[in-house]
Amino acid sequence: MYQWTLLARFFRIVPPVPLLVTVFSAAALIVSAGLALMAPQATPAPLPTLLVLQIFAASSGAIGPARRGYYDALLSRGVGRAQLLWGHWMASLAPGAISWLVVAALESLSTGTRSPSALSSGSLLALWLASSLPWAGTVGLPRFAAAIAWLVVLVATLTTIPAGQSRLLAALDGGDVTGWAPLAVVVYPMGLIGRSLSSEQWLITTPALLVSVIAPAGAIAWFCRADIPLEASQ
């Protein structure tokens, strides 16, 4: 318990999420609150923006700060590498997850619905993918590396495929491009927002869901065994 308290205090003082991402998330919440007052049905409109911000927040990178000795104070007090990385992950996704829940609460209060769009099965899966895959992909890379790679793939897909967005949505629905439908879940997770996934759609998303569980576990295992020399000693 002592180690977890140390982690909470450390990441509260030195959060892995850049201030600019937090500011943009707060701005999205303000927009959602304004919509809740003026156009309640549009309250969840900022969810795609929050999802993109979560991808950047989760792409927080761990190896860089570790090489600069930022975590030495924790490691010297008995915090293990695996525990450190768990704390880093939770601190990376917490602001976005809290913002997501706030939008869900605003929608429930403004419309009276018991099933807000932010808490649909598709929305929660999109949030999970945005919280897990970028984080795992950036553990051993610089901050934002996974988010930038995702943006490049998304833009390339939308610009090289005619009617790219509609084709991606068709793939999520198991349409005429089912061969790469599981990849569409990762390339365009915004298409999952607000959906109540059918059994067929769950089948399409299963590969991405499996990778989103295996990748963080692999990243943690690698970090625990990796030789991480301080930059000053190189």
C-alpha atoms as a PDB file:
ATOM      1  CA  MET A   1       0.000   0.000   0.000  1.00  0.00           C
ATOM      2  CA  TYR A   2       2.890   2.331   0.783  1.00  0.00           C
ATOM      3  CA  GLN A   3       4.289   1.907  -2.731  1.00  0.00           C
ATOM      4  CA  TRP A   4       0.934   2.686  -4.335  1.00  0.00           C
ATOM      5  CA  THR A   5       0.662   5.827  -2.210  1.00  0.00           C
ATOM      6  CA  LEU A   6       4.109   6.870  -3.413  1.00  0.00           C
ATOM      7  CA  LEU A   7       3.057   6.287  -7.017  1.00  0.00           C
ATOM      8  CA  ALA A   8      -0.124   8.327  -6.586  1.00  0.00           C
ATOM      9  CA  ARG A   9       1.793  11.233  -5.060  1.00  0.00           C
ATOM     10  CA  PHE A  10       4.545  11.072  -7.662  1.00  0.00           C
ATOM     11  CA  PHE A  11       2.275  11.072 -10.702  1.00  0.00           C
ATOM     12  CA  ARG A  12       0.074  13.759  -9.151  1.00  0.00           C
ATOM     13  CA  ILE A  13       3.109  16.028  -8.983  1.00  0.00           C
ATOM     14  CA  VAL A  14       4.688  14.847 -12.252  1.00  0.00           C
ATOM     15  CA  PRO A  15       1.763  13.672 -14.435  1.00  0.00           C
ATOM     16  CA  PRO A  16       2.652  11.741 -17.609  1.00  0.00           C
ATOM     17  CA  VAL A  17      -0.127  13.525 -19.520  1.00  0.00           C
ATOM     18  CA  PRO A  18       1.006  16.874 -21.003  1.00  0.00           C
ATOM     19  CA  LEU A  19      -0.773  19.955 -19.705  1.00  0.00           C
ATOM     20  CA  LEU A  20      -1.979  20.897 -23.196  1.00  0.00           C
ATOM     21  CA  VAL A  21      -3.859  17.585 -23.545  1.00  0.00           C
ATOM     22  CA  THR A  22      -5.496  18.175 -20.165  1.00  0.00           C
ATOM     23  CA  VAL A  23      -6.494  21.703 -21.188  1.00  0.00           C
ATOM     24  CA  PHE A  24      -8.067  20.457 -24.420  1.00  0.00           C
ATOM     25  CA  SER A  25      -9.953  17.768 -22.473  1.00  0.00           C
ATOM     26  CA  ALA A  26     -11.306  20.426 -20.125  1.00  0.00           C
ATOM     27  CA  ALA A  27     -12.365  22.498 -23.139  1.00  0.00           C
ATOM     28  CA  ALA A  28     -14.236  19.492 -24.550  1.00  0.00           C
ATOM     29  CA  LEU A  29     -16.052  19.099 -21.234  1.00  0.00           C
ATOM     30  CA  ILE A  30     -17.054  22.765 -21.299  1.00  0.00           C
ATOM     31  CA  VAL A  31     -18.464  22.265 -24.793  1.00  0.00           C
ATOM     32  CA  SER A  32     -20.354  19.170 -23.626  1.00  0.00           C
ATOM     33  CA  ALA A  33     -21.762  21.074 -20.646  1.00  0.00           C
ATOM     34  CA  GLY A  34     -22.879  23.889 -22.944  1.00  0.00           C
ATOM     35  CA  LEU A  35     -24.590  21.417 -25.253  1.00  0.00           C
ATOM     36  CA  ALA A  36     -26.286  19.793 -22.264  1.00  0.00           C
ATOM     37  CA  LEU A  37     -27.932  23.146 -21.542  1.00  0.00           C
ATOM     38  CA  MET A  38     -28.742  24.235 -25.095  1.00  0.00           C
ATOM     39  CA  ALA A  39     -29.037  21.016 -27.133  1.00  0.00           C
ATOM     40  CA  PRO A  40     -29.210  17.996 -24.771  1.00  0.00           C
ATOM     41  CA  GLN A  41     -29.290  15.397 -27.550  1.00  0.00           C
ATOM     42  CA  ALA A  42     -25.908  16.678 -28.781  1.00  0.00           C
ATOM     43  CA  THR A  43     -24.232  16.404 -25.363  1.00  0.00           C
ATOM     44  CA  PRO A  44     -22.008  13.448 -26.404  1.00  0.00           C
ATOM     45  CA  ALA A  45     -20.738  15.278 -29.522  1.00  0.00           C
ATOM     46  CA  PRO A  46     -17.248  15.908 -27.981  1.00  0.00           C
ATOM     47  CA  LEU A  47     -16.641  12.164 -27.456  1.00  0.00           C
ATOM     48  CA  PRO A  48     -14.637  11.703 -30.716  1.00  0.00           C
ATOM     49  CA  THR A  49     -12.428  14.622 -29.690  1.00  0.00           C
ATOM     50  CA  LEU A  50     -11.911  13.120 -26.244  1.00  0.00           C
ATOM     51  CA  LEU A  51     -11.022   9.805 -27.883  1.00  0.00           C
ATOM     52  CA  VAL A  52      -8.304  11.412 -30.000  1.00  0.00           C
ATOM     53  CA  LEU A  53      -6.994  13.238 -26.930  1.00  0.00           C
ATOM     54  CA  GLN A  54      -6.950   9.931 -25.058  1.00  0.00           C
ATOM     55  CA  ILE A  55      -4.809   8.389 -27.783  1.00  0.00           C
ATOM     56  CA  PHE A  56      -2.275  11.174 -27.324  1.00  0.00           C
ATOM     57  CA  ALA A  57      -2.520  11.023 -23.522  1.00  0.00           C
ATOM     58  CA  ALA A  58      -1.935   7.255 -23.506  1.00  0.00           C
ATOM     59  CA  SER A  59       1.072   7.677 -25.812  1.00  0.00           C
ATOM     60  CA  SER A  60       2.947   9.025 -22.815  1.00  0.00           C
ATOM     61  CA  GLY A  61       6.203   7.053 -23.140  1.00  0.00           C
ATOM     62  CA  ALA A  62       8.009   5.500 -20.181  1.00  0.00           C
ATOM     63  CA  ILE A  63      11.499   4.683 -21.378  1.00  0.00           C
ATOM     64  CA  GLY A  64      12.579   8.318 -21.824  1.00  0.00           C
ATOM     65  CA  PRO A  65      11.852   9.428 -18.252  1.00  0.00           C
ATOM     66  CA  ALA A  66      13.344   6.167 -16.963  1.00  0.00           C
ATOM     67  CA  ARG A  67      16.600   6.835 -18.817  1.00  0.00           C
ATOM     68  CA  ARG A  68      16.728  10.324 -17.372  1.00  0.00           C
ATOM     69  CA  GLY A  69      16.411   8.924 -13.857  1.00  0.00           C
ATOM     70  CA  TYR A  70      12.975  10.379 -13.123  1.00  0.00           C
ATOM     71  CA  TYR A  71      11.800   7.158 -11.486  1.00  0.00           C
ATOM     72  CA  ASP A  72      14.893   6.463  -9.381  1.00  0.00           C
ATOM     73  CA  ALA A  73      13.287   7.958  -6.272  1.00  0.00           C
ATOM     74  CA  LEU A  74      10.460   5.446  -6.582  1.00  0.00           C
ATOM     75  CA  LEU A  75      12.614   2.452  -7.468  1.00  0.00           C
ATOM     76  CA  SER A  76      14.952   3.140  -4.547  1.00  0.00           C
ATOM     77  CA  ARG A  77      11.985   3.046  -2.151  1.00  0.00           C
ATOM     78  CA  GLY A  78      10.856  -0.433  -3.073  1.00  0.00           C
ATOM     79  CA  VAL A  79       8.543   0.271  -5.994  1.00  0.00           C
ATOM     80  CA  GLY A  80       9.071  -2.492  -8.559  1.00  0.00           C
ATOM     81  CA  ARG A  81       9.283  -1.855 -12.283  1.00  0.00           C
ATOM     82  CA  ALA A  82       5.989  -3.620 -12.974  1.00  0.00           C
ATOM     83  CA  GLN A  83       4.246  -1.630 -10.252  1.00  0.00           C
ATOM     84  CA  LEU A  84       5.800   1.570 -11.565  1.00  0.00           C
ATOM     85  CA  LEU A  85       4.522   0.874 -15.059  1.00  0.00           C
ATOM     86  CA  TRP A  86       1.025   0.052 -13.797  1.00  0.00           C
ATOM     87  CA  GLY A  87       0.975   3.394 -11.988  1.00  0.00           C
ATOM     88  CA  HIS A  88       2.236   5.133 -15.121  1.00  0.00           C
ATOM     89  CA  TRP A  89      -0.529   3.539 -17.183  1.00  0.00           C
ATOM     90  CA  MET A  90      -3.282   4.456 -14.722  1.00  0.00           C
ATOM     91  CA  ALA A  91      -2.000   8.042 -14.486  1.00  0.00           C
ATOM     92  CA  SER A  92      -1.898   8.267 -18.291  1.00  0.00           C
ATOM     93  CA  LEU A  93      -5.466   7.148 -18.874  1.00  0.00           C
ATOM     94  CA  ALA A  94      -7.151   8.601 -15.771  1.00  0.00           C
ATOM     95  CA  PRO A  95      -7.833  12.172 -17.058  1.00  0.00           C
ATOM     96  CA  GLY A  96      -9.406  10.912 -20.270  1.00  0.00           C
ATOM     97  CA  ALA A  97     -11.443   8.225 -18.508  1.00  0.00           C
ATOM     98  CA  ILE A  98     -12.740  10.751 -15.976  1.00  0.00           C
ATOM     99  CA  SER A  99     -13.670  13.159 -18.778  1.00  0.00           C
ATOM    100  CA  TRP A 100     -15.506  10.319 -20.527  1.00  0.00           C
ATOM    101  CA  LEU A 101     -17.549   9.584 -17.395  1.00  0.00           C
ATOM    102  CA  VAL A 102     -18.348  13.281 -16.944  1.00  0.00           C
ATOM    103  CA  VAL A 103     -19.803  13.437 -20.467  1.00  0.00           C
ATOM    104  CA  ALA A 104     -21.844  10.304 -19.713  1.00  0.00           C
ATOM    105  CA  ALA A 105     -23.173  11.944 -16.543  1.00  0.00           C
ATOM    106  CA  LEU A 106     -23.998  15.160 -18.394  1.00  0.00           C
ATOM    107  CA  GLU A 107     -25.914  13.246 -21.051  1.00  0.00           C
ATOM    108  CA  SER A 108     -27.843  11.278 -18.432  1.00  0.00           C
ATOM    109  CA  LEU A 109     -28.752  14.439 -16.529  1.00  0.00           C
ATOM    110  CA  SER A 110     -29.697  16.472 -19.589  1.00  0.00           C
ATOM    111  CA  THR A 111     -31.689  13.824 -21.467  1.00  0.00           C
ATOM    112  CA  GLY A 112     -32.812  11.520 -18.667  1.00  0.00           C
ATOM    113  CA  THR A 113     -31.421   8.480 -20.450  1.00  0.00           C
ATOM    114  CA  ARG A 114     -30.132   5.531 -18.476  1.00  0.00           C
ATOM    115  CA  SER A 115     -27.933   4.411 -21.363  1.00  0.00           C
ATOM    116  CA  PRO A 116     -25.729   7.353 -22.376  1.00  0.00           C
ATOM    117  CA  SER A 117     -23.753   7.092 -25.607  1.00  0.00           C
ATOM    118  CA  ALA A 118     -20.460   7.270 -23.716  1.00  0.00           C
ATOM    119  CA  LEU A 119     -21.289   4.035 -21.892  1.00  0.00           C
ATOM    120  CA  SER A 120     -22.467   1.971 -24.852  1.00  0.00           C
ATOM    121  CA  SER A 121     -20.466  -1.179 -25.522  1.00  0.00           C
ATOM    122  CA  GLY A 122     -18.882   0.348 -28.626  1.00  0.00           C
ATOM    123  CA  SER A 123     -17.909   3.550 -26.827  1.00  0.00           C
ATOM    124  CA  LEU A 124     -16.315   1.695 -23.929  1.00  0.00           C
ATOM    125  CA  LEU A 125     -14.414  -0.553 -26.332  1.00  0.00           C
ATOM    126  CA  ALA A 126     -13.166   2.498 -28.251  1.00  0.00           C
ATOM    127  CA  LEU A 127     -12.008   4.115 -25.002  1.00  0.00           C
ATOM    128  CA  TRP A 128     -10.250   0.909 -23.952  1.00  0.00           C
ATOM    129  CA  LEU A 129      -8.454   0.587 -27.285  1.00  0.00           C
ATOM    130  CA  ALA A 130      -7.398   4.238 -27.121  1.00  0.00           C
ATOM    131  CA  SER A 131      -6.125   3.714 -23.565  1.00  0.00           C
ATOM    132  CA  SER A 132      -4.252   0.449 -24.048  1.00  0.00           C
ATOM    133  CA  LEU A 133      -2.756   0.144 -27.540  1.00  0.00           C
ATOM    134  CA  PRO A 134      -1.065   3.593 -27.712  1.00  0.00           C
ATOM    135  CA  TRP A 135       0.274   3.191 -24.186  1.00  0.00           C
ATOM    136  CA  ALA A 136       1.728  -0.248 -24.865  1.00  0.00           C
ATOM    137  CA  GLY A 137       3.165   0.882 -28.178  1.00  0.00           C
ATOM    138  CA  THR A 138       4.946   3.845 -26.622  1.00  0.00           C
ATOM    139  CA  VAL A 139       6.437   2.244 -23.481  1.00  0.00           C
ATOM    140  CA  GLY A 140       9.750   1.821 -25.265  1.00  0.00           C
ATOM    141  CA  LEU A 141       9.408   4.820 -27.596  1.00  0.00           C
ATOM    142  CA  PRO A 142       9.322   8.619 -27.249  1.00  0.00           C
ATOM    143  CA  ARG A 143       6.136  10.354 -26.140  1.00  0.00           C
ATOM    144  CA  PHE A 144       3.403  10.613 -28.810  1.00  0.00           C
ATOM    145  CA  ALA A 145       5.145   8.083 -31.106  1.00  0.00           C
ATOM    146  CA  ALA A 146       2.150   5.735 -31.198  1.00  0.00           C
ATOM    147  CA  ALA A 147      -0.338   8.587 -31.592  1.00  0.00           C
ATOM    148  CA  ILE A 148       1.597  10.063 -34.509  1.00  0.00           C
ATOM    149  CA  ALA A 149       1.835   6.646 -36.176  1.00  0.00           C
ATOM    150  CA  TRP A 150      -1.925   6.200 -35.766  1.00  0.00           C
ATOM    151  CA  LEU A 151      -2.599   9.634 -37.289  1.00  0.00           C
ATOM    152  CA  VAL A 152      -0.403   8.832 -40.277  1.00  0.00           C
ATOM    153  CA  VAL A 153      -2.222   5.531 -40.884  1.00  0.00           C
ATOM    154  CA  LEU A 154      -5.639   7.140 -40.455  1.00  0.00           C
ATOM    155  CA  VAL A 155      -4.926  10.029 -42.806  1.00  0.00           C
ATOM    156  CA  ALA A 156      -3.354   7.699 -45.362  1.00  0.00           C
ATOM    157  CA  THR A 157      -6.392   5.428 -45.221  1.00  0.00           C
ATOM    158  CA  LEU A 158      -8.904   8.254 -45.557  1.00  0.00           C
ATOM    159  CA  THR A 159      -7.035   9.851 -48.461  1.00  0.00           C
ATOM    160  CA  THR A 160      -6.154   6.743 -50.475  1.00  0.00           C
ATOM    161  CA  ILE A 161      -9.486   4.929 -50.244  1.00  0.00           C
ATOM    162  CA  PRO A 162     -12.423   6.589 -52.029  1.00  0.00           C
ATOM    163  CA  ALA A 163     -15.067   7.599 -49.472  1.00  0.00           C
ATOM    164  CA  GLY A 164     -12.624   6.411 -46.830  1.00  0.00           C
ATOM    165  CA  GLN A 165     -14.702   7.184 -43.750  1.00  0.00           C
ATOM    166  CA  SER A 166     -17.799   5.414 -45.039  1.00  0.00           C
ATOM    167  CA  ARG A 167     -15.680   2.408 -46.058  1.00  0.00           C
ATOM    168  CA  LEU A 168     -14.202   2.228 -42.579  1.00  0.00           C
ATOM    169  CA  LEU A 169     -17.668   2.357 -41.065  1.00  0.00           C
ATOM    170  CA  ALA A 170     -18.800  -0.344 -43.490  1.00  0.00           C
ATOM    171  CA  ALA A 171     -15.880  -2.470 -42.352  1.00  0.00           C
ATOM    172  CA  LEU A 172     -16.953  -2.063 -38.729  1.00  0.00           C
ATOM    173  CA  ASP A 173     -20.410  -3.233 -39.752  1.00  0.00           C
ATOM    174  CA  GLY A 174     -19.023  -6.249 -41.580  1.00  0.00           C
ATOM    175  CA  GLY A 175     -19.781  -4.765 -44.995  1.00  0.00           C
ATOM    176  CA  ASP A 176     -17.999  -5.154 -48.298  1.00  0.00           C
ATOM    177  CA  VAL A 177     -14.468  -4.858 -46.881  1.00  0.00           C
ATOM    178  CA  THR A 178     -14.673  -7.562 -44.232  1.00  0.00           C
ATOM    179  CA  GLY A 179     -11.162  -8.802 -45.039  1.00  0.00           C
ATOM    180  CA  TRP A 180      -9.624  -5.912 -43.093  1.00  0.00           C
ATOM    181  CA  ALA A 181     -12.573  -5.114 -40.826  1.00  0.00           C
ATOM    182  CA  PRO A 182     -10.617  -6.008 -37.647  1.00  0.00           C
ATOM    183  CA  LEU A 183      -7.955  -3.461 -38.663  1.00  0.00           C
ATOM    184  CA  ALA A 184     -10.624  -0.784 -39.164  1.00  0.00           C
ATOM    185  CA  VAL A 185     -11.418  -1.002 -35.449  1.00  0.00           C
ATOM    186  CA  VAL A 186      -7.877   0.158 -34.677  1.00  0.00           C
ATOM    187  CA  VAL A 187      -7.575   2.654 -37.535  1.00  0.00           C
ATOM    188  CA  TYR A 188     -10.956   4.311 -36.915  1.00  0.00           C
ATOM    189  CA  PRO A 189     -12.082   3.618 -33.317  1.00  0.00           C
ATOM    190  CA  MET A 190     -14.300   6.729 -33.439  1.00  0.00           C
ATOM    191  CA  GLY A 191     -16.694   4.646 -35.527  1.00  0.00           C
ATOM    192  CA  LEU A 192     -17.468   2.547 -32.459  1.00  0.00           C
ATOM    193  CA  ILE A 193     -18.738   5.475 -30.385  1.00  0.00           C
ATOM    194  CA  GLY A 194     -22.418   5.260 -29.531  1.00  0.00           C
ATOM    195  CA  ARG A 195     -22.836   1.745 -30.906  1.00  0.00           C
ATOM    196  CA  SER A 196     -24.319  -1.193 -29.059  1.00  0.00           C
ATOM    197  CA  LEU A 197     -22.228  -3.935 -30.582  1.00  0.00           C
ATOM    198  CA  SER A 198     -23.946  -6.971 -32.033  1.00  0.00           C
ATOM    199  CA  SER A 199     -22.475 -10.461 -31.787  1.00  0.00           C
ATOM    200  CA  GLU A 200     -21.112 -10.079 -35.331  1.00  0.00           C
ATOM    201  CA  GLN A 201     -19.468  -6.782 -34.475  1.00  0.00           C
ATOM    202  CA  TRP A 202     -17.947  -8.268 -31.314  1.00  0.00           C
ATOM    203  CA  LEU A 203     -16.476 -10.968 -33.544  1.00  0.00           C
ATOM    204  CA  ILE A 204     -14.958  -8.289 -35.786  1.00  0.00           C
ATOM    205  CA  THR A 205     -13.456  -6.473 -32.806  1.00  0.00           C
ATOM    206  CA  THR A 206     -12.099  -9.602 -31.088  1.00  0.00           C
ATOM    207  CA  PRO A 207      -8.586  -9.469 -32.680  1.00  0.00           C
ATOM    208  CA  ALA A 208      -8.134  -5.835 -31.628  1.00  0.00           C
ATOM    209  CA  LEU A 209      -9.440  -6.642 -28.159  1.00  0.00           C
ATOM    210  CA  LEU A 210      -6.992  -9.534 -27.779  1.00  0.00           C
ATOM    211  CA  VAL A 211      -4.074  -7.381 -28.921  1.00  0.00           C
ATOM    212  CA  SER A 212      -5.131  -4.633 -26.509  1.00  0.00           C
ATOM    213  CA  VAL A 213      -4.758  -7.106 -23.637  1.00  0.00           C
ATOM    214  CA  ILE A 214      -1.597  -8.856 -24.813  1.00  0.00           C
ATOM    215  CA  ALA A 215       0.301  -5.709 -25.846  1.00  0.00           C
ATOM    216  CA  PRO A 216       0.308  -4.007 -22.403  1.00  0.00           C
ATOM    217  CA  ALA A 217       1.287  -7.288 -20.751  1.00  0.00           C
ATOM    218  CA  GLY A 218       4.154  -7.649 -23.215  1.00  0.00           C
ATOM    219  CA  ALA A 219       5.221  -4.032 -22.696  1.00  0.00           C
ATOM    220  CA  ILE A 220       5.320  -4.494 -18.929  1.00  0.00           C
ATOM    221  CA  ALA A 221       7.282  -7.753 -19.246  1.00  0.00           C
ATOM    222  CA  TRP A 222       9.796  -6.071 -21.566  1.00  0.00           C
ATOM    223  CA  PHE A 223      10.197  -3.053 -19.296  1.00  0.00           C
ATOM    224  CA  CYS A 224      10.831  -5.287 -16.270  1.00  0.00           C
ATOM    225  CA  ARG A 225      13.659  -7.138 -18.042  1.00  0.00           C
ATOM    226  CA  ALA A 226      15.138  -4.356 -20.176  1.00  0.00           C
ATOM    227  CA  ASP A 227      18.528  -2.850 -19.487  1.00  0.00           C
ATOM    228  CA  ILE A 228      17.793   0.856 -19.045  1.00  0.00           C
ATOM    229  CA  PRO A 229      21.051   2.811 -18.650  1.00  0.00           C
ATOM    230  CA  LEU A 230      20.867   6.421 -17.604  1.00  0.00           C
ATOM    231  CA  GLU A 231      21.445   8.887 -20.432  1.00  0.00           C
ATOM    232  CA  ALA A 232      24.290  10.521 -18.501  1.00  0.00           C
ATOM    233  CA  SER A 233      26.213   7.241 -18.463  1.00  0.00           C
ATOM    234  CA  GLN A 234      25.965   6.616 -22.199  1.00  0.00           C
END
